[in-house]
Amino acid sequence: MNRSDFLKSLGLGVAGIVLPQNSFISVKTIKIYDNYIKGLSHYHFHNLKYELNKGNEVQLKREPENIYDSFAIQVNYSEYRLGYISAFENIVLANMMDYGVHLKAYISQKDLSRKHSEWLAVEVYAGLVIPSQKLIDTVLLKQRASDVHDIYRKGFKF
């Protein structure tokens, strides 16, 4: 099984996390990034600065064709570009997005009294698929992982 098939078997597809209905796995949302958006003065932030608030959801858009940074990730609000995730911090997020991991992003700070490079920050969350203790106790302790039938795609039955 290749990496893509494995991720899909866990429910990690292009559309995000879709878990089968069973009590053996769950998803925990974890914060994986929080920092200032770069390039605010070059895009549409000035038009939106009074509309944006802490907690607003923003969209992340991969830009692999960017000539300056092949790991570029735009931060957008509606159809407007606000800026980018910092170039020295975007590699892991870009790879996650390229493999179909669904990320959610929100404004974590808005403070126009700070210097312009610190006006707006974004936090990014991902879903972490976690096996339940029930799965570990009932299946994985009794058999090798390779010997367990595929409960993720077929559903779990004893």
N, C-alpha and C. Protein backbone atom coordinates (compact mmCIF):
# COMPACT_ATOMS: atom_id res chain seq x y z
N MET A 1 0.85 -1.17 0.00
CA MET A 1 0.00 0.00 0.00
C MET A 1 0.90 1.23 0.00
N ASN A 2 0.66 2.15 -0.96
CA ASN A 2 1.47 3.36 -0.98
C ASN A 2 0.91 4.39 0.01
N ARG A 3 1.64 5.49 0.18
CA ARG A 3 1.27 6.51 1.17
C ARG A 3 -0.11 7.10 0.90
N SER A 4 -0.40 7.40 -0.36
CA SER A 4 -1.69 7.99 -0.72
C SER A 4 -2.84 7.05 -0.38
N ASP A 5 -2.69 5.76 -0.72
CA ASP A 5 -3.73 4.77 -0.40
C ASP A 5 -3.90 4.63 1.11
N PHE A 6 -2.78 4.67 1.84
CA PHE A 6 -2.85 4.57 3.30
C PHE A 6 -3.62 5.75 3.88
N LEU A 7 -3.30 6.97 3.43
CA LEU A 7 -4.00 8.14 3.94
C LEU A 7 -5.48 8.08 3.61
N LYS A 8 -5.80 7.63 2.39
CA LYS A 8 -7.21 7.51 2.02
C LYS A 8 -7.92 6.46 2.87
N SER A 9 -7.22 5.38 3.22
CA SER A 9 -7.83 4.34 4.04
C SER A 9 -8.15 4.85 5.45
N LEU A 10 -7.40 5.85 5.88
CA LEU A 10 -7.68 6.45 7.19
C LEU A 10 -8.71 7.55 7.10
N GLY A 11 -9.15 7.85 5.87
CA GLY A 11 -10.15 8.89 5.70
C GLY A 11 -9.54 10.25 5.42
N LEU A 12 -8.25 10.30 5.13
CA LEU A 12 -7.60 11.57 4.85
C LEU A 12 -7.53 11.76 3.34
N GLY A 13 -8.54 12.35 2.77
CA GLY A 13 -8.57 12.56 1.33
C GLY A 13 -8.49 14.02 1.00
N VAL A 14 -8.65 14.32 -0.26
CA VAL A 14 -8.57 15.70 -0.72
C VAL A 14 -9.65 16.55 -0.06
N ALA A 15 -10.80 15.97 0.19
CA ALA A 15 -11.91 16.73 0.78
C ALA A 15 -11.78 16.88 2.28
N GLY A 16 -10.75 16.34 2.88
CA GLY A 16 -10.59 16.45 4.32
C GLY A 16 -10.76 15.11 4.99
N ILE A 17 -11.12 15.15 6.25
CA ILE A 17 -11.21 13.92 7.03
C ILE A 17 -12.64 13.40 7.00
N VAL A 18 -12.78 12.16 6.55
CA VAL A 18 -14.07 11.48 6.57
C VAL A 18 -13.82 10.13 7.22
N LEU A 19 -14.33 9.96 8.42
CA LEU A 19 -14.08 8.72 9.16
C LEU A 19 -15.25 7.77 9.04
N PRO A 20 -14.97 6.46 8.97
CA PRO A 20 -16.05 5.49 9.00
C PRO A 20 -16.73 5.53 10.36
N GLN A 21 -17.96 5.08 10.40
CA GLN A 21 -18.72 5.10 11.65
C GLN A 21 -18.34 3.90 12.50
N ASN A 22 -17.35 4.07 13.36
CA ASN A 22 -17.02 3.05 14.35
C ASN A 22 -16.35 3.73 15.52
N SER A 23 -16.20 2.99 16.60
CA SER A 23 -15.65 3.58 17.82
C SER A 23 -14.16 3.29 17.97
N PHE A 24 -13.49 2.95 16.88
CA PHE A 24 -12.10 2.55 16.98
C PHE A 24 -11.12 3.65 16.59
N ILE A 25 -11.61 4.69 15.95
CA ILE A 25 -10.75 5.82 15.62
C ILE A 25 -11.53 7.11 15.84
N SER A 26 -10.80 8.18 16.11
CA SER A 26 -11.42 9.49 16.28
C SER A 26 -10.46 10.55 15.75
N VAL A 27 -10.92 11.78 15.70
CA VAL A 27 -10.09 12.88 15.22
C VAL A 27 -9.99 13.93 16.31
N LYS A 28 -8.78 14.36 16.56
CA LYS A 28 -8.54 15.46 17.50
C LYS A 28 -7.98 16.62 16.69
N THR A 29 -8.56 17.79 16.85
CA THR A 29 -8.08 18.97 16.15
C THR A 29 -6.92 19.56 16.94
N ILE A 30 -5.80 19.78 16.24
CA ILE A 30 -4.62 20.33 16.91
C ILE A 30 -4.11 21.55 16.16
N LYS A 31 -3.63 22.52 16.93
CA LYS A 31 -3.02 23.71 16.32
C LYS A 31 -1.60 23.34 15.91
N ILE A 32 -1.28 23.62 14.64
CA ILE A 32 0.04 23.28 14.14
C ILE A 32 0.85 24.49 13.71
N TYR A 33 0.24 25.67 13.73
CA TYR A 33 0.96 26.87 13.29
C TYR A 33 0.25 28.10 13.85
N ASP A 34 1.02 29.12 14.20
CA ASP A 34 0.46 30.42 14.61
C ASP A 34 1.55 31.47 14.45
N ASN A 35 1.38 32.35 13.47
CA ASN A 35 2.36 33.41 13.27
C ASN A 35 1.77 34.49 12.37
N TYR A 36 2.53 35.54 12.17
CA TYR A 36 2.08 36.69 11.40
C TYR A 36 2.01 36.38 9.91
N ILE A 37 1.03 36.99 9.25
CA ILE A 37 0.89 36.88 7.80
C ILE A 37 1.88 37.85 7.17
N LYS A 38 2.62 37.37 6.18
CA LYS A 38 3.63 38.19 5.51
C LYS A 38 3.03 38.87 4.27
N GLY A 39 3.47 40.08 3.98
CA GLY A 39 3.08 40.79 2.77
C GLY A 39 1.77 41.54 2.84
N LEU A 40 1.27 41.82 4.03
CA LEU A 40 -0.03 42.49 4.16
C LEU A 40 -0.11 43.80 3.37
N SER A 41 0.95 44.55 3.34
CA SER A 41 0.91 45.86 2.67
C SER A 41 0.91 45.76 1.15
N HIS A 42 1.12 44.56 0.61
CA HIS A 42 1.19 44.39 -0.85
C HIS A 42 -0.11 43.90 -1.46
N TYR A 43 -1.08 43.51 -0.67
CA TYR A 43 -2.29 42.90 -1.21
C TYR A 43 -3.53 43.65 -0.73
N HIS A 44 -4.58 42.98 -0.32
CA HIS A 44 -5.88 43.60 -0.05
C HIS A 44 -6.18 43.89 1.42
N PHE A 45 -5.19 43.79 2.28
CA PHE A 45 -5.46 43.99 3.70
C PHE A 45 -6.02 45.38 4.00
N HIS A 46 -5.49 46.41 3.36
CA HIS A 46 -5.94 47.78 3.66
C HIS A 46 -7.43 47.96 3.37
N ASN A 47 -7.95 47.24 2.37
CA ASN A 47 -9.38 47.33 2.05
C ASN A 47 -10.25 46.60 3.07
N LEU A 48 -9.66 45.65 3.80
CA LEU A 48 -10.42 44.78 4.69
C LEU A 48 -10.08 44.95 6.17
N LYS A 49 -9.15 45.84 6.49
CA LYS A 49 -8.62 45.86 7.86
C LYS A 49 -9.66 46.12 8.94
N TYR A 50 -10.76 46.78 8.60
CA TYR A 50 -11.79 47.01 9.62
C TYR A 50 -12.85 45.91 9.61
N GLU A 51 -12.88 45.12 8.56
CA GLU A 51 -13.83 44.01 8.46
C GLU A 51 -13.29 42.75 9.14
N LEU A 52 -11.99 42.59 9.14
CA LEU A 52 -11.37 41.39 9.69
C LEU A 52 -11.28 41.46 11.21
N ASN A 53 -11.52 40.33 11.86
CA ASN A 53 -11.44 40.25 13.32
C ASN A 53 -10.86 38.91 13.75
N LYS A 54 -10.36 38.89 14.96
CA LYS A 54 -9.86 37.65 15.54
C LYS A 54 -10.97 36.61 15.47
N GLY A 55 -10.60 35.41 15.03
CA GLY A 55 -11.56 34.32 14.92
C GLY A 55 -12.14 34.13 13.54
N ASN A 56 -12.01 35.13 12.65
CA ASN A 56 -12.50 34.96 11.29
C ASN A 56 -11.76 33.82 10.61
N GLU A 57 -12.51 32.98 9.90
CA GLU A 57 -11.86 31.92 9.13
C GLU A 57 -11.26 32.52 7.86
N VAL A 58 -10.06 32.07 7.54
CA VAL A 58 -9.39 32.45 6.30
C VAL A 58 -9.07 31.18 5.53
N GLN A 59 -8.82 31.32 4.25
CA GLN A 59 -8.53 30.16 3.43
C GLN A 59 -7.05 30.12 3.08
N LEU A 60 -6.52 28.92 3.06
CA LEU A 60 -5.13 28.71 2.64
C LEU A 60 -5.16 28.14 1.23
N LYS A 61 -4.34 28.70 0.35
CA LYS A 61 -4.29 28.24 -1.03
C LYS A 61 -2.84 28.00 -1.42
N ARG A 62 -2.56 26.76 -1.81
CA ARG A 62 -1.20 26.43 -2.27
C ARG A 62 -0.92 27.13 -3.59
N GLU A 63 0.31 27.57 -3.73
CA GLU A 63 0.74 28.25 -4.95
C GLU A 63 2.07 27.64 -5.40
N PRO A 64 2.07 26.38 -5.84
CA PRO A 64 3.33 25.71 -6.20
C PRO A 64 4.03 26.32 -7.40
N GLU A 65 3.31 27.07 -8.22
CA GLU A 65 3.91 27.70 -9.39
C GLU A 65 4.56 29.05 -9.08
N ASN A 66 4.55 29.47 -7.82
CA ASN A 66 5.15 30.74 -7.42
C ASN A 66 6.65 30.71 -7.76
N ILE A 67 7.12 31.69 -8.51
CA ILE A 67 8.51 31.69 -8.98
C ILE A 67 9.51 32.01 -7.87
N TYR A 68 9.04 32.57 -6.77
CA TYR A 68 9.94 32.92 -5.67
C TYR A 68 9.99 31.85 -4.58
N ASP A 69 8.90 31.05 -4.46
CA ASP A 69 8.81 30.06 -3.40
C ASP A 69 7.88 28.94 -3.84
N SER A 70 8.42 27.78 -4.14
CA SER A 70 7.59 26.66 -4.61
C SER A 70 6.73 26.07 -3.49
N PHE A 71 6.95 26.49 -2.24
CA PHE A 71 6.13 26.05 -1.11
C PHE A 71 5.15 27.14 -0.67
N ALA A 72 4.93 28.13 -1.52
CA ALA A 72 4.11 29.29 -1.17
C ALA A 72 2.68 28.88 -0.82
N ILE A 73 2.16 29.54 0.23
CA ILE A 73 0.77 29.34 0.66
C ILE A 73 0.15 30.72 0.86
N GLN A 74 -0.82 31.02 0.02
CA GLN A 74 -1.56 32.27 0.17
C GLN A 74 -2.50 32.18 1.37
N VAL A 75 -2.73 33.31 2.01
CA VAL A 75 -3.76 33.44 3.03
C VAL A 75 -4.80 34.38 2.46
N ASN A 76 -6.02 33.87 2.27
CA ASN A 76 -7.09 34.64 1.63
C ASN A 76 -8.28 34.78 2.56
N TYR A 77 -8.98 35.88 2.38
CA TYR A 77 -10.25 36.11 3.06
C TYR A 77 -11.27 36.33 1.96
N SER A 78 -12.21 35.40 1.85
CA SER A 78 -13.15 35.41 0.73
C SER A 78 -12.32 35.33 -0.55
N GLU A 79 -12.54 36.22 -1.50
CA GLU A 79 -11.75 36.18 -2.73
C GLU A 79 -10.53 37.09 -2.69
N TYR A 80 -10.23 37.66 -1.55
CA TYR A 80 -9.13 38.63 -1.43
C TYR A 80 -7.88 38.00 -0.81
N ARG A 81 -6.76 38.27 -1.42
CA ARG A 81 -5.48 37.79 -0.87
C ARG A 81 -5.02 38.77 0.21
N LEU A 82 -4.71 38.22 1.39
CA LEU A 82 -4.18 39.03 2.47
C LEU A 82 -2.66 39.03 2.46
N GLY A 83 -2.08 37.88 2.17
CA GLY A 83 -0.63 37.73 2.19
C GLY A 83 -0.27 36.27 2.12
N TYR A 84 0.85 35.91 2.77
CA TYR A 84 1.38 34.56 2.69
C TYR A 84 1.84 34.06 4.05
N ILE A 85 1.86 32.72 4.19
CA ILE A 85 2.56 32.09 5.30
C ILE A 85 4.04 32.34 5.05
N SER A 86 4.79 32.64 6.08
CA SER A 86 6.21 32.95 5.96
C SER A 86 6.97 31.86 5.21
N ALA A 87 7.86 32.29 4.31
CA ALA A 87 8.61 31.35 3.46
C ALA A 87 9.48 30.40 4.26
N PHE A 88 9.98 30.82 5.40
CA PHE A 88 10.83 29.91 6.16
C PHE A 88 10.03 29.01 7.10
N GLU A 89 8.69 29.09 7.05
CA GLU A 89 7.84 28.26 7.90
C GLU A 89 6.79 27.46 7.14
N ASN A 90 6.79 27.53 5.81
CA ASN A 90 5.68 26.97 5.06
C ASN A 90 5.89 25.57 4.50
N ILE A 91 7.07 25.01 4.61
CA ILE A 91 7.38 23.75 3.93
C ILE A 91 6.52 22.59 4.44
N VAL A 92 6.40 22.44 5.73
CA VAL A 92 5.61 21.33 6.29
C VAL A 92 4.14 21.51 5.94
N LEU A 93 3.61 22.72 6.11
CA LEU A 93 2.20 22.98 5.77
C LEU A 93 1.95 22.71 4.29
N ALA A 94 2.86 23.15 3.43
CA ALA A 94 2.70 22.94 1.98
C ALA A 94 2.69 21.45 1.65
N ASN A 95 3.57 20.69 2.25
CA ASN A 95 3.60 19.25 2.01
C ASN A 95 2.32 18.59 2.50
N MET A 96 1.83 19.00 3.64
CA MET A 96 0.57 18.45 4.15
C MET A 96 -0.57 18.74 3.17
N MET A 97 -0.64 19.98 2.69
CA MET A 97 -1.68 20.34 1.73
C MET A 97 -1.54 19.55 0.44
N ASP A 98 -0.32 19.37 -0.03
CA ASP A 98 -0.08 18.62 -1.27
C ASP A 98 -0.51 17.16 -1.14
N TYR A 99 -0.47 16.60 0.06
CA TYR A 99 -0.88 15.22 0.28
C TYR A 99 -2.36 15.11 0.66
N GLY A 100 -3.08 16.22 0.57
CA GLY A 100 -4.52 16.18 0.77
C GLY A 100 -5.00 16.36 2.19
N VAL A 101 -4.11 16.75 3.10
CA VAL A 101 -4.54 16.99 4.48
C VAL A 101 -5.31 18.31 4.51
N HIS A 102 -6.50 18.26 5.03
CA HIS A 102 -7.36 19.44 5.10
C HIS A 102 -6.95 20.29 6.31
N LEU A 103 -6.60 21.53 6.06
CA LEU A 103 -6.20 22.45 7.12
C LEU A 103 -7.25 23.55 7.25
N LYS A 104 -7.52 23.97 8.48
CA LYS A 104 -8.42 25.08 8.75
C LYS A 104 -7.58 26.21 9.34
N ALA A 105 -7.88 27.44 8.94
CA ALA A 105 -7.10 28.59 9.40
C ALA A 105 -8.02 29.71 9.86
N TYR A 106 -7.57 30.41 10.89
CA TYR A 106 -8.34 31.49 11.50
C TYR A 106 -7.39 32.63 11.87
N ILE A 107 -7.93 33.83 11.89
CA ILE A 107 -7.15 34.97 12.36
C ILE A 107 -6.98 34.81 13.87
N SER A 108 -5.74 34.83 14.33
CA SER A 108 -5.48 34.65 15.76
C SER A 108 -5.13 35.97 16.46
N GLN A 109 -4.79 36.99 15.68
CA GLN A 109 -4.48 38.30 16.26
C GLN A 109 -4.67 39.37 15.21
N LYS A 110 -5.27 40.47 15.65
CA LYS A 110 -5.35 41.68 14.83
C LYS A 110 -5.03 42.84 15.76
N ASP A 111 -3.96 43.54 15.45
CA ASP A 111 -3.53 44.66 16.29
C ASP A 111 -2.88 45.71 15.42
N LEU A 112 -3.65 46.71 15.03
CA LEU A 112 -3.17 47.75 14.13
C LEU A 112 -2.24 48.74 14.82
N SER A 113 -2.08 48.62 16.14
CA SER A 113 -1.16 49.51 16.86
C SER A 113 0.28 49.01 16.78
N ARG A 114 0.47 47.79 16.35
CA ARG A 114 1.82 47.21 16.22
C ARG A 114 2.42 47.63 14.89
N LYS A 115 3.69 47.27 14.66
CA LYS A 115 4.30 47.55 13.36
C LYS A 115 3.58 46.73 12.29
N HIS A 116 3.62 47.20 11.04
CA HIS A 116 2.77 46.62 9.98
C HIS A 116 3.02 45.12 9.76
N SER A 117 4.20 44.64 10.03
CA SER A 117 4.48 43.21 9.84
C SER A 117 3.83 42.35 10.93
N GLU A 118 3.23 42.99 11.94
CA GLU A 118 2.58 42.26 13.03
C GLU A 118 1.11 42.66 13.19
N TRP A 119 0.52 43.20 12.15
CA TRP A 119 -0.89 43.60 12.22
C TRP A 119 -1.83 42.41 12.33
N LEU A 120 -1.50 41.33 11.62
CA LEU A 120 -2.44 40.22 11.53
C LEU A 120 -1.69 38.89 11.62
N ALA A 121 -2.19 37.99 12.45
CA ALA A 121 -1.61 36.65 12.59
C ALA A 121 -2.66 35.61 12.25
N VAL A 122 -2.19 34.44 11.84
CA VAL A 122 -3.08 33.35 11.47
C VAL A 122 -2.66 32.09 12.23
N GLU A 123 -3.66 31.31 12.67
CA GLU A 123 -3.40 30.02 13.29
C GLU A 123 -3.99 28.94 12.38
N VAL A 124 -3.29 27.82 12.30
CA VAL A 124 -3.69 26.74 11.41
C VAL A 124 -3.90 25.47 12.24
N TYR A 125 -4.98 24.75 11.93
CA TYR A 125 -5.34 23.52 12.62
C TYR A 125 -5.43 22.36 11.64
N ALA A 126 -5.09 21.18 12.11
CA ALA A 126 -5.22 19.94 11.34
C ALA A 126 -5.92 18.91 12.22
N GLY A 127 -6.53 17.94 11.57
CA GLY A 127 -7.16 16.85 12.29
C GLY A 127 -6.18 15.69 12.43
N LEU A 128 -5.98 15.23 13.63
CA LEU A 128 -5.09 14.11 13.90
C LEU A 128 -5.95 12.86 14.14
N VAL A 129 -5.77 11.84 13.30
CA VAL A 129 -6.53 10.60 13.45
C VAL A 129 -5.88 9.78 14.56
N ILE A 130 -6.71 9.40 15.54
CA ILE A 130 -6.21 8.73 16.73
C ILE A 130 -6.93 7.39 16.91
N PRO A 131 -6.17 6.29 17.04
CA PRO A 131 -6.83 5.03 17.35
C PRO A 131 -7.33 5.07 18.79
N SER A 132 -8.50 4.52 19.02
CA SER A 132 -9.03 4.51 20.39
C SER A 132 -8.34 3.42 21.21
N GLN A 133 -8.46 3.54 22.50
CA GLN A 133 -7.92 2.51 23.38
C GLN A 133 -8.60 1.18 23.12
N LYS A 134 -9.87 1.23 22.73
CA LYS A 134 -10.62 0.01 22.40
C LYS A 134 -9.96 -0.73 21.24
N LEU A 135 -9.54 -0.01 20.21
CA LEU A 135 -8.86 -0.63 19.08
C LEU A 135 -7.54 -1.24 19.53
N ILE A 136 -6.79 -0.50 20.30
CA ILE A 136 -5.49 -0.98 20.77
C ILE A 136 -5.66 -2.23 21.63
N ASP A 137 -6.60 -2.18 22.55
CA ASP A 137 -6.81 -3.31 23.47
C ASP A 137 -7.37 -4.54 22.79
N THR A 138 -8.30 -4.36 21.85
CA THR A 138 -8.99 -5.52 21.28
C THR A 138 -8.30 -6.10 20.07
N VAL A 139 -7.57 -5.32 19.33
CA VAL A 139 -7.02 -5.81 18.08
C VAL A 139 -5.50 -5.81 18.07
N LEU A 140 -4.92 -4.68 18.32
CA LEU A 140 -3.49 -4.55 18.10
C LEU A 140 -2.63 -5.26 19.15
N LEU A 141 -3.16 -5.50 20.34
CA LEU A 141 -2.39 -6.23 21.34
C LEU A 141 -2.43 -7.74 21.11
N LYS A 142 -3.42 -8.21 20.36
CA LYS A 142 -3.59 -9.64 20.13
C LYS A 142 -2.95 -10.11 18.83
N GLN A 143 -2.71 -9.19 17.90
CA GLN A 143 -2.19 -9.57 16.58
C GLN A 143 -1.17 -8.55 16.11
N ARG A 144 -0.38 -8.97 15.14
CA ARG A 144 0.50 -8.01 14.47
C ARG A 144 -0.38 -7.06 13.65
N ALA A 145 0.06 -5.85 13.50
CA ALA A 145 -0.73 -4.87 12.74
C ALA A 145 -1.01 -5.35 11.32
N SER A 146 -0.05 -6.03 10.68
CA SER A 146 -0.24 -6.51 9.31
C SER A 146 -1.25 -7.65 9.23
N ASP A 147 -1.51 -8.33 10.35
CA ASP A 147 -2.43 -9.46 10.35
C ASP A 147 -3.88 -9.05 10.64
N VAL A 148 -4.09 -7.81 11.01
CA VAL A 148 -5.44 -7.33 11.34
C VAL A 148 -6.14 -7.00 10.03
N HIS A 149 -7.41 -7.46 9.89
CA HIS A 149 -8.12 -7.15 8.64
C HIS A 149 -8.40 -5.65 8.59
N ASP A 150 -8.69 -5.18 7.42
CA ASP A 150 -8.78 -3.74 7.15
C ASP A 150 -10.07 -3.15 7.71
N ILE A 151 -10.04 -2.70 8.96
CA ILE A 151 -11.24 -2.15 9.60
C ILE A 151 -11.57 -0.75 9.11
N TYR A 152 -10.60 -0.06 8.52
CA TYR A 152 -10.83 1.31 8.11
C TYR A 152 -11.72 1.40 6.87
N ARG A 153 -11.59 0.47 5.94
CA ARG A 153 -12.39 0.50 4.74
C ARG A 153 -13.61 -0.40 4.84
N LYS A 154 -13.50 -1.52 5.54
CA LYS A 154 -14.59 -2.50 5.56
C LYS A 154 -15.49 -2.36 6.79
N GLY A 155 -15.09 -1.57 7.73
CA GLY A 155 -15.85 -1.51 8.98
C GLY A 155 -15.36 -2.60 9.91
N PHE A 156 -15.50 -2.39 11.19
CA PHE A 156 -14.97 -3.34 12.17
C PHE A 156 -16.04 -4.29 12.62
N LYS A 157 -15.76 -5.60 12.58
CA LYS A 157 -16.70 -6.62 13.06
C LYS A 157 -15.93 -7.70 13.76
N PHE A 158 -16.43 -8.14 14.90
CA PHE A 158 -15.85 -9.28 15.61
C PHE A 158 -16.79 -10.45 15.49
